[in-house]
Amino acid sequence: MSLDDGATWRPAHLRRDDHGRTWTRWTLPWTPGSSDAGPHRLIARATDRTGATQPATVPFDDGGYQFWAAVRHPVTVA
């Protein structure tokens, strides 16, 4: 998980054992400070057992079936 638009990455905690080739729920504790107020973009990406990591972007797929890029999550800290 990146809290700074991909400049640095923190490992998340998987919520169950890796069964391979499946979606896996994860958590990452984050307590924003008062200086963090405002919009942020959290980025989640997966890394497999071989060390291959999801890319930041992928070519557009007209069919919408093959999206494998890292996912960005906009949040606002009040």
PDB file of N, CA and C in Angstrom:
ATOM      1  N   MET A   1       0.858  -1.167   0.000  1.00  0.00           N
ATOM      2  CA  MET A   1       0.000   0.000   0.000  1.00  0.00           C
ATOM      3  C   MET A   1       0.898   1.221   0.000  1.00  0.00           C
ATOM      4  N   SER A   2       0.531   2.184  -0.813  1.00  0.00           N
ATOM      5  CA  SER A   2       1.253   3.449  -0.834  1.00  0.00           C
ATOM      6  C   SER A   2       0.329   4.549  -0.343  1.00  0.00           C
ATOM      7  N   LEU A   3       0.829   5.366   0.540  1.00  0.00           N
ATOM      8  CA  LEU A   3       0.078   6.500   1.073  1.00  0.00           C
ATOM      9  C   LEU A   3       0.564   7.813   0.466  1.00  0.00           C
ATOM     10  N   ASP A   4       1.579   7.742  -0.411  1.00  0.00           N
ATOM     11  CA  ASP A   4       2.167   8.960  -0.982  1.00  0.00           C
ATOM     12  C   ASP A   4       2.255   8.878  -2.508  1.00  0.00           C
ATOM     13  N   ASP A   5       1.195   8.374  -3.123  1.00  0.00           N
ATOM     14  CA  ASP A   5       1.075   8.301  -4.584  1.00  0.00           C
ATOM     15  C   ASP A   5       2.168   7.458  -5.236  1.00  0.00           C
ATOM     16  N   GLY A   6       2.630   6.426  -4.536  1.00  0.00           N
ATOM     17  CA  GLY A   6       3.576   5.479  -5.101  1.00  0.00           C
ATOM     18  C   GLY A   6       5.042   5.780  -4.846  1.00  0.00           C
ATOM     19  N   ALA A   7       5.352   6.833  -4.096  1.00  0.00           N
ATOM     20  CA  ALA A   7       6.756   7.149  -3.800  1.00  0.00           C
ATOM     21  C   ALA A   7       7.369   6.078  -2.888  1.00  0.00           C
ATOM     22  N   THR A   8       6.598   5.609  -1.910  1.00  0.00           N
ATOM     23  CA  THR A   8       7.045   4.540  -1.016  1.00  0.00           C
ATOM     24  C   THR A   8       5.905   3.539  -0.860  1.00  0.00           C
ATOM     25  N   TRP A   9       6.257   2.335  -0.426  1.00  0.00           N
ATOM     26  CA  TRP A   9       5.263   1.258  -0.275  1.00  0.00           C
ATOM     27  C   TRP A   9       5.401   0.612   1.084  1.00  0.00           C
ATOM     28  N   ARG A  10       4.256   0.232   1.676  1.00  0.00           N
ATOM     29  CA  ARG A  10       4.218  -0.484   2.953  1.00  0.00           C
ATOM     30  C   ARG A  10       3.523  -1.819   2.730  1.00  0.00           C
ATOM     31  N   PRO A  11       4.029  -2.898   3.324  1.00  0.00           N
ATOM     32  CA  PRO A  11       3.357  -4.188   3.160  1.00  0.00           C
ATOM     33  C   PRO A  11       2.053  -4.240   3.953  1.00  0.00           C
ATOM     34  N   ALA A  12       1.029  -4.761   3.339  1.00  0.00           N
ATOM     35  CA  ALA A  12      -0.254  -4.962   4.016  1.00  0.00           C
ATOM     36  C   ALA A  12      -0.253  -6.350   4.655  1.00  0.00           C
ATOM     37  N   HIS A  13      -1.220  -6.585   5.504  1.00  0.00           N
ATOM     38  CA  HIS A  13      -1.362  -7.876   6.176  1.00  0.00           C
ATOM     39  C   HIS A  13      -2.490  -8.642   5.499  1.00  0.00           C
ATOM     40  N   LEU A  14      -2.177  -9.837   4.968  1.00  0.00           N
ATOM     41  CA  LEU A  14      -3.204 -10.649   4.336  1.00  0.00           C
ATOM     42  C   LEU A  14      -4.158 -11.170   5.398  1.00  0.00           C
ATOM     43  N   ARG A  15      -5.438 -11.203   5.072  1.00  0.00           N
ATOM     44  CA  ARG A  15      -6.455 -11.615   6.038  1.00  0.00           C
ATOM     45  C   ARG A  15      -6.639 -13.120   6.095  1.00  0.00           C
ATOM     46  N   ARG A  16      -6.020 -13.846   5.178  1.00  0.00           N
ATOM     47  CA  ARG A  16      -6.068 -15.308   5.217  1.00  0.00           C
ATOM     48  C   ARG A  16      -4.857 -15.826   4.454  1.00  0.00           C
ATOM     49  N   ASP A  17      -4.622 -17.125   4.527  1.00  0.00           N
ATOM     50  CA  ASP A  17      -3.492 -17.705   3.810  1.00  0.00           C
ATOM     51  C   ASP A  17      -3.663 -17.532   2.309  1.00  0.00           C
ATOM     52  N   ASP A  18      -2.547 -17.415   1.613  1.00  0.00           N
ATOM     53  CA  ASP A  18      -2.547 -17.292   0.161  1.00  0.00           C
ATOM     54  C   ASP A  18      -2.875 -18.645  -0.457  1.00  0.00           C
ATOM     55  N   HIS A  19      -3.924 -18.682  -1.242  1.00  0.00           N
ATOM     56  CA  HIS A  19      -4.311 -19.921  -1.922  1.00  0.00           C
ATOM     57  C   HIS A  19      -3.952 -19.874  -3.401  1.00  0.00           C
ATOM     58  N   GLY A  20      -3.319 -18.804  -3.834  1.00  0.00           N
ATOM     59  CA  GLY A  20      -2.879 -18.692  -5.214  1.00  0.00           C
ATOM     60  C   GLY A  20      -4.008 -18.388  -6.179  1.00  0.00           C
ATOM     61  N   ARG A  21      -3.778 -17.441  -7.055  1.00  0.00           N
ATOM     62  CA  ARG A  21      -4.689 -17.082  -8.139  1.00  0.00           C
ATOM     63  C   ARG A  21      -6.091 -16.693  -7.685  1.00  0.00           C
ATOM     64  N   THR A  22      -6.199 -16.128  -6.507  1.00  0.00           N
ATOM     65  CA  THR A  22      -7.502 -15.669  -6.020  1.00  0.00           C
ATOM     66  C   THR A  22      -7.348 -14.280  -5.414  1.00  0.00           C
ATOM     67  N   TRP A  23      -8.453 -13.554  -5.337  1.00  0.00           N
ATOM     68  CA  TRP A  23      -8.462 -12.285  -4.627  1.00  0.00           C
ATOM     69  C   TRP A  23      -8.239 -12.571  -3.157  1.00  0.00           C
ATOM     70  N   THR A  24      -7.497 -11.725  -2.494  1.00  0.00           N
ATOM     71  CA  THR A  24      -7.218 -11.904  -1.076  1.00  0.00           C
ATOM     72  C   THR A  24      -7.485 -10.602  -0.337  1.00  0.00           C
ATOM     73  N   ARG A  25      -8.277 -10.678   0.712  1.00  0.00           N
ATOM     74  CA  ARG A  25      -8.538  -9.492   1.537  1.00  0.00           C
ATOM     75  C   ARG A  25      -7.301  -9.167   2.354  1.00  0.00           C
ATOM     76  N   TRP A  26      -7.102  -7.883   2.625  1.00  0.00           N
ATOM     77  CA  TRP A  26      -5.938  -7.436   3.355  1.00  0.00           C
ATOM     78  C   TRP A  26      -6.308  -6.238   4.207  1.00  0.00           C
ATOM     79  N   THR A  27      -5.430  -5.899   5.150  1.00  0.00           N
ATOM     80  CA  THR A  27      -5.607  -4.709   5.983  1.00  0.00           C
ATOM     81  C   THR A  27      -4.267  -3.990   6.093  1.00  0.00           C
ATOM     82  N   LEU A  28      -4.345  -2.695   6.358  1.00  0.00           N
ATOM     83  CA  LEU A  28      -3.163  -1.899   6.625  1.00  0.00           C
ATOM     84  C   LEU A  28      -3.559  -0.803   7.592  1.00  0.00           C
ATOM     85  N   PRO A  29      -3.123  -0.895   8.842  1.00  0.00           N
ATOM     86  CA  PRO A  29      -3.457   0.166   9.797  1.00  0.00           C
ATOM     87  C   PRO A  29      -2.866   1.497   9.346  1.00  0.00           C
ATOM     88  N   TRP A  30      -3.688   2.544   9.376  1.00  0.00           N
ATOM     89  CA  TRP A  30      -3.238   3.891   9.038  1.00  0.00           C
ATOM     90  C   TRP A  30      -4.022   4.878   9.888  1.00  0.00           C
ATOM     91  N   THR A  31      -3.325   5.648  10.674  1.00  0.00           N
ATOM     92  CA  THR A  31      -3.949   6.686  11.475  1.00  0.00           C
ATOM     93  C   THR A  31      -3.407   8.023  10.992  1.00  0.00           C
ATOM     94  N   PRO A  32      -4.189   8.741  10.169  1.00  0.00           N
ATOM     95  CA  PRO A  32      -3.695  10.019   9.675  1.00  0.00           C
ATOM     96  C   PRO A  32      -3.558  11.030  10.798  1.00  0.00           C
ATOM     97  N   GLY A  33      -2.535  11.859  10.715  1.00  0.00           N
ATOM     98  CA  GLY A  33      -2.329  12.922  11.678  1.00  0.00           C
ATOM     99  C   GLY A  33      -3.046  14.192  11.258  1.00  0.00           C
ATOM    100  N   SER A  34      -3.052  15.188  12.101  1.00  0.00           N
ATOM    101  CA  SER A  34      -3.738  16.440  11.799  1.00  0.00           C
ATOM    102  C   SER A  34      -3.133  17.131  10.583  1.00  0.00           C
ATOM    103  N   SER A  35      -1.863  16.901  10.309  1.00  0.00           N
ATOM    104  CA  SER A  35      -1.227  17.517   9.141  1.00  0.00           C
ATOM    105  C   SER A  35      -1.599  16.796   7.839  1.00  0.00           C
ATOM    106  N   ASP A  36      -2.290  15.647   7.953  1.00  0.00           N
ATOM    107  CA  ASP A  36      -2.693  14.876   6.777  1.00  0.00           C
ATOM    108  C   ASP A  36      -4.062  15.273   6.240  1.00  0.00           C
ATOM    109  N   ALA A  37      -4.693  16.303   6.811  1.00  0.00           N
ATOM    110  CA  ALA A  37      -6.033  16.693   6.374  1.00  0.00           C
ATOM    111  C   ALA A  37      -6.038  17.019   4.880  1.00  0.00           C
ATOM    112  N   GLY A  38      -7.124  16.601   4.214  1.00  0.00           N
ATOM    113  CA  GLY A  38      -7.276  16.886   2.794  1.00  0.00           C
ATOM    114  C   GLY A  38      -7.346  15.618   1.968  1.00  0.00           C
ATOM    115  N   PRO A  39      -7.324  15.753   0.649  1.00  0.00           N
ATOM    116  CA  PRO A  39      -7.455  14.585  -0.231  1.00  0.00           C
ATOM    117  C   PRO A  39      -6.160  13.783  -0.314  1.00  0.00           C
ATOM    118  N   HIS A  40      -6.320  12.490  -0.431  1.00  0.00           N
ATOM    119  CA  HIS A  40      -5.208  11.557  -0.605  1.00  0.00           C
ATOM    120  C   HIS A  40      -5.614  10.514  -1.620  1.00  0.00           C
ATOM    121  N   ARG A  41      -4.619   9.860  -2.203  1.00  0.00           N
ATOM    122  CA  ARG A  41      -4.889   8.739  -3.100  1.00  0.00           C
ATOM    123  C   ARG A  41      -4.070   7.559  -2.608  1.00  0.00           C
ATOM    124  N   LEU A  42      -4.747   6.589  -2.026  1.00  0.00           N
ATOM    125  CA  LEU A  42      -4.094   5.371  -1.556  1.00  0.00           C
ATOM    126  C   LEU A  42      -3.993   4.422  -2.745  1.00  0.00           C
ATOM    127  N   ILE A  43      -2.878   3.735  -2.868  1.00  0.00           N
ATOM    128  CA  ILE A  43      -2.688   2.816  -3.984  1.00  0.00           C
ATOM    129  C   ILE A  43      -2.395   1.433  -3.436  1.00  0.00           C
ATOM    130  N   ALA A  44      -3.141   0.454  -3.920  1.00  0.00           N
ATOM    131  CA  ALA A  44      -2.929  -0.939  -3.538  1.00  0.00           C
ATOM    132  C   ALA A  44      -2.422  -1.706  -4.753  1.00  0.00           C
ATOM    133  N   ARG A  45      -1.415  -2.532  -4.544  1.00  0.00           N
ATOM    134  CA  ARG A  45      -0.916  -3.390  -5.621  1.00  0.00           C
ATOM    135  C   ARG A  45      -0.506  -4.726  -5.023  1.00  0.00           C
ATOM    136  N   ALA A  46      -0.547  -5.740  -5.833  1.00  0.00           N
ATOM    137  CA  ALA A  46      -0.189  -7.084  -5.382  1.00  0.00           C
ATOM    138  C   ALA A  46       1.187  -7.473  -5.916  1.00  0.00           C
ATOM    139  N   THR A  47       1.866  -8.302  -5.144  1.00  0.00           N
ATOM    140  CA  THR A  47       3.133  -8.888  -5.566  1.00  0.00           C
ATOM    141  C   THR A  47       3.017 -10.387  -5.367  1.00  0.00           C
ATOM    142  N   ASP A  48       3.350 -11.160  -6.405  1.00  0.00           N
ATOM    143  CA  ASP A  48       3.197 -12.612  -6.291  1.00  0.00           C
ATOM    144  C   ASP A  48       4.450 -13.264  -5.716  1.00  0.00           C
ATOM    145  N   ARG A  49       4.429 -14.567  -5.629  1.00  0.00           N
ATOM    146  CA  ARG A  49       5.540 -15.304  -5.018  1.00  0.00           C
ATOM    147  C   ARG A  49       6.849 -15.156  -5.770  1.00  0.00           C
ATOM    148  N   THR A  50       6.772 -14.835  -7.075  1.00  0.00           N
ATOM    149  CA  THR A  50       7.993 -14.683  -7.870  1.00  0.00           C
ATOM    150  C   THR A  50       8.567 -13.278  -7.771  1.00  0.00           C
ATOM    151  N   GLY A  51       7.836 -12.349  -7.119  1.00  0.00           N
ATOM    152  CA  GLY A  51       8.279 -10.970  -7.011  1.00  0.00           C
ATOM    153  C   GLY A  51       7.686 -10.060  -8.073  1.00  0.00           C
ATOM    154  N   ALA A  52       6.860 -10.607  -8.977  1.00  0.00           N
ATOM    155  CA  ALA A  52       6.205  -9.787  -9.999  1.00  0.00           C
ATOM    156  C   ALA A  52       5.143  -8.912  -9.335  1.00  0.00           C
ATOM    157  N   THR A  53       5.156  -7.626  -9.656  1.00  0.00           N
ATOM    158  CA  THR A  53       4.251  -6.661  -9.045  1.00  0.00           C
ATOM    159  C   THR A  53       3.343  -6.050 -10.097  1.00  0.00           C
ATOM    160  N   GLN A  54       2.111  -5.746  -9.708  1.00  0.00           N
ATOM    161  CA  GLN A  54       1.181  -5.105 -10.628  1.00  0.00           C
ATOM    162  C   GLN A  54       1.763  -3.793 -11.137  1.00  0.00           C
ATOM    163  N   PRO A  55       1.572  -3.488 -12.430  1.00  0.00           N
ATOM    164  CA  PRO A  55       2.069  -2.227 -12.970  1.00  0.00           C
ATOM    165  C   PRO A  55       1.179  -1.059 -12.544  1.00  0.00           C
ATOM    166  N   ALA A  56       1.715   0.161 -12.684  1.00  0.00           N
ATOM    167  CA  ALA A  56       0.952   1.365 -12.337  1.00  0.00           C
ATOM    168  C   ALA A  56      -0.175   1.602 -13.343  1.00  0.00           C
ATOM    169  N   THR A  57       0.043   1.278 -14.604  1.00  0.00           N
ATOM    170  CA  THR A  57      -0.979   1.456 -15.642  1.00  0.00           C
ATOM    171  C   THR A  57      -0.944   0.270 -16.590  1.00  0.00           C
ATOM    172  N   VAL A  58      -2.040   0.059 -17.291  1.00  0.00           N
ATOM    173  CA  VAL A  58      -2.133  -0.976 -18.324  1.00  0.00           C
ATOM    174  C   VAL A  58      -2.883  -0.396 -19.517  1.00  0.00           C
ATOM    175  N   PRO A  59      -2.731  -0.990 -20.709  1.00  0.00           N
ATOM    176  CA  PRO A  59      -3.484  -0.502 -21.862  1.00  0.00           C
ATOM    177  C   PRO A  59      -4.986  -0.646 -21.634  1.00  0.00           C
ATOM    178  N   PHE A  60      -5.771   0.270 -22.186  1.00  0.00           N
ATOM    179  CA  PHE A  60      -7.223   0.217 -22.048  1.00  0.00           C
ATOM    180  C   PHE A  60      -7.767  -1.001 -22.776  1.00  0.00           C
ATOM    181  N   ASP A  61      -8.697  -1.697 -22.163  1.00  0.00           N
ATOM    182  CA  ASP A  61      -9.342  -2.879 -22.750  1.00  0.00           C
ATOM    183  C   ASP A  61     -10.801  -2.542 -23.024  1.00  0.00           C
ATOM    184  N   ASP A  62     -11.178  -2.450 -24.294  1.00  0.00           N
ATOM    185  CA  ASP A  62     -12.558  -2.110 -24.667  1.00  0.00           C
ATOM    186  C   ASP A  62     -13.577  -3.063 -24.053  1.00  0.00           C
ATOM    187  N   GLY A  63     -13.208  -4.331 -23.884  1.00  0.00           N
ATOM    188  CA  GLY A  63     -14.132  -5.302 -23.307  1.00  0.00           C
ATOM    189  C   GLY A  63     -14.261  -5.169 -21.796  1.00  0.00           C
ATOM    190  N   GLY A  64     -13.282  -4.530 -21.156  1.00  0.00           N
ATOM    191  CA  GLY A  64     -13.336  -4.317 -19.723  1.00  0.00           C
ATOM    192  C   GLY A  64     -13.018  -5.526 -18.882  1.00  0.00           C
ATOM    193  N   TYR A  65     -12.448  -6.560 -19.494  1.00  0.00           N
ATOM    194  CA  TYR A  65     -12.222  -7.800 -18.764  1.00  0.00           C
ATOM    195  C   TYR A  65     -10.825  -7.949 -18.198  1.00  0.00           C
ATOM    196  N   GLN A  66      -9.863  -7.224 -18.727  1.00  0.00           N
ATOM    197  CA  GLN A  66      -8.483  -7.470 -18.323  1.00  0.00           C
ATOM    198  C   GLN A  66      -7.857  -6.222 -17.718  1.00  0.00           C
ATOM    199  N   PHE A  67      -8.268  -5.894 -16.524  1.00  0.00           N
ATOM    200  CA  PHE A  67      -7.654  -4.781 -15.805  1.00  0.00           C
ATOM    201  C   PHE A  67      -6.791  -5.362 -14.703  1.00  0.00           C
ATOM    202  N   TRP A  68      -5.491  -5.155 -14.811  1.00  0.00           N
ATOM    203  CA  TRP A  68      -4.581  -5.742 -13.832  1.00  0.00           C
ATOM    204  C   TRP A  68      -3.614  -4.718 -13.225  1.00  0.00           C
ATOM    205  N   ALA A  69      -3.925  -3.455 -13.365  1.00  0.00           N
ATOM    206  CA  ALA A  69      -3.043  -2.417 -12.813  1.00  0.00           C
ATOM    207  C   ALA A  69      -3.292  -2.233 -11.317  1.00  0.00           C
ATOM    208  N   ALA A  70      -2.368  -1.559 -10.665  1.00  0.00           N
ATOM    209  CA  ALA A  70      -2.535  -1.205  -9.250  1.00  0.00           C
ATOM    210  C   ALA A  70      -3.780  -0.331  -9.117  1.00  0.00           C
ATOM    211  N   VAL A  71      -4.493  -0.496  -8.032  1.00  0.00           N
ATOM    212  CA  VAL A  71      -5.772   0.188  -7.835  1.00  0.00           C
ATOM    213  C   VAL A  71      -5.591   1.410  -6.939  1.00  0.00           C
ATOM    214  N   ARG A  72      -6.152   2.532  -7.373  1.00  0.00           N
ATOM    215  CA  ARG A  72      -6.076   3.781  -6.606  1.00  0.00           C
ATOM    216  C   ARG A  72      -7.387   4.022  -5.880  1.00  0.00           C
ATOM    217  N   HIS A  73      -7.291   4.439  -4.615  1.00  0.00           N
ATOM    218  CA  HIS A  73      -8.462   4.674  -3.794  1.00  0.00           C
ATOM    219  C   HIS A  73      -8.437   6.115  -3.282  1.00  0.00           C
ATOM    220  N   PRO A  74      -9.306   6.985  -3.815  1.00  0.00           N
ATOM    221  CA  PRO A  74      -9.321   8.361  -3.305  1.00  0.00           C
ATOM    222  C   PRO A  74     -10.016   8.416  -1.944  1.00  0.00           C
ATOM    223  N   VAL A  75      -9.401   9.129  -1.010  1.00  0.00           N
ATOM    224  CA  VAL A  75      -9.979   9.330   0.321  1.00  0.00           C
ATOM    225  C   VAL A  75      -9.745  10.788   0.717  1.00  0.00           C
ATOM    226  N   THR A  76     -10.581  11.277   1.621  1.00  0.00           N
ATOM    227  CA  THR A  76     -10.402  12.615   2.153  1.00  0.00           C
ATOM    228  C   THR A  76     -10.308  12.526   3.669  1.00  0.00           C
ATOM    229  N   VAL A  77      -9.237  13.071   4.224  1.00  0.00           N
ATOM    230  CA  VAL A  77      -9.051  13.102   5.675  1.00  0.00           C
ATOM    231  C   VAL A  77      -9.580  14.425   6.175  1.00  0.00           C
ATOM    232  N   ALA A  78     -10.529  14.344   7.105  1.00  0.00           N
ATOM    233  CA  ALA A  78     -11.148  15.569   7.655  1.00  0.00           C
ATOM    234  C   ALA A  78     -10.456  15.999   8.931  1.00  0.00           C
TER     235      ALA A  78
END
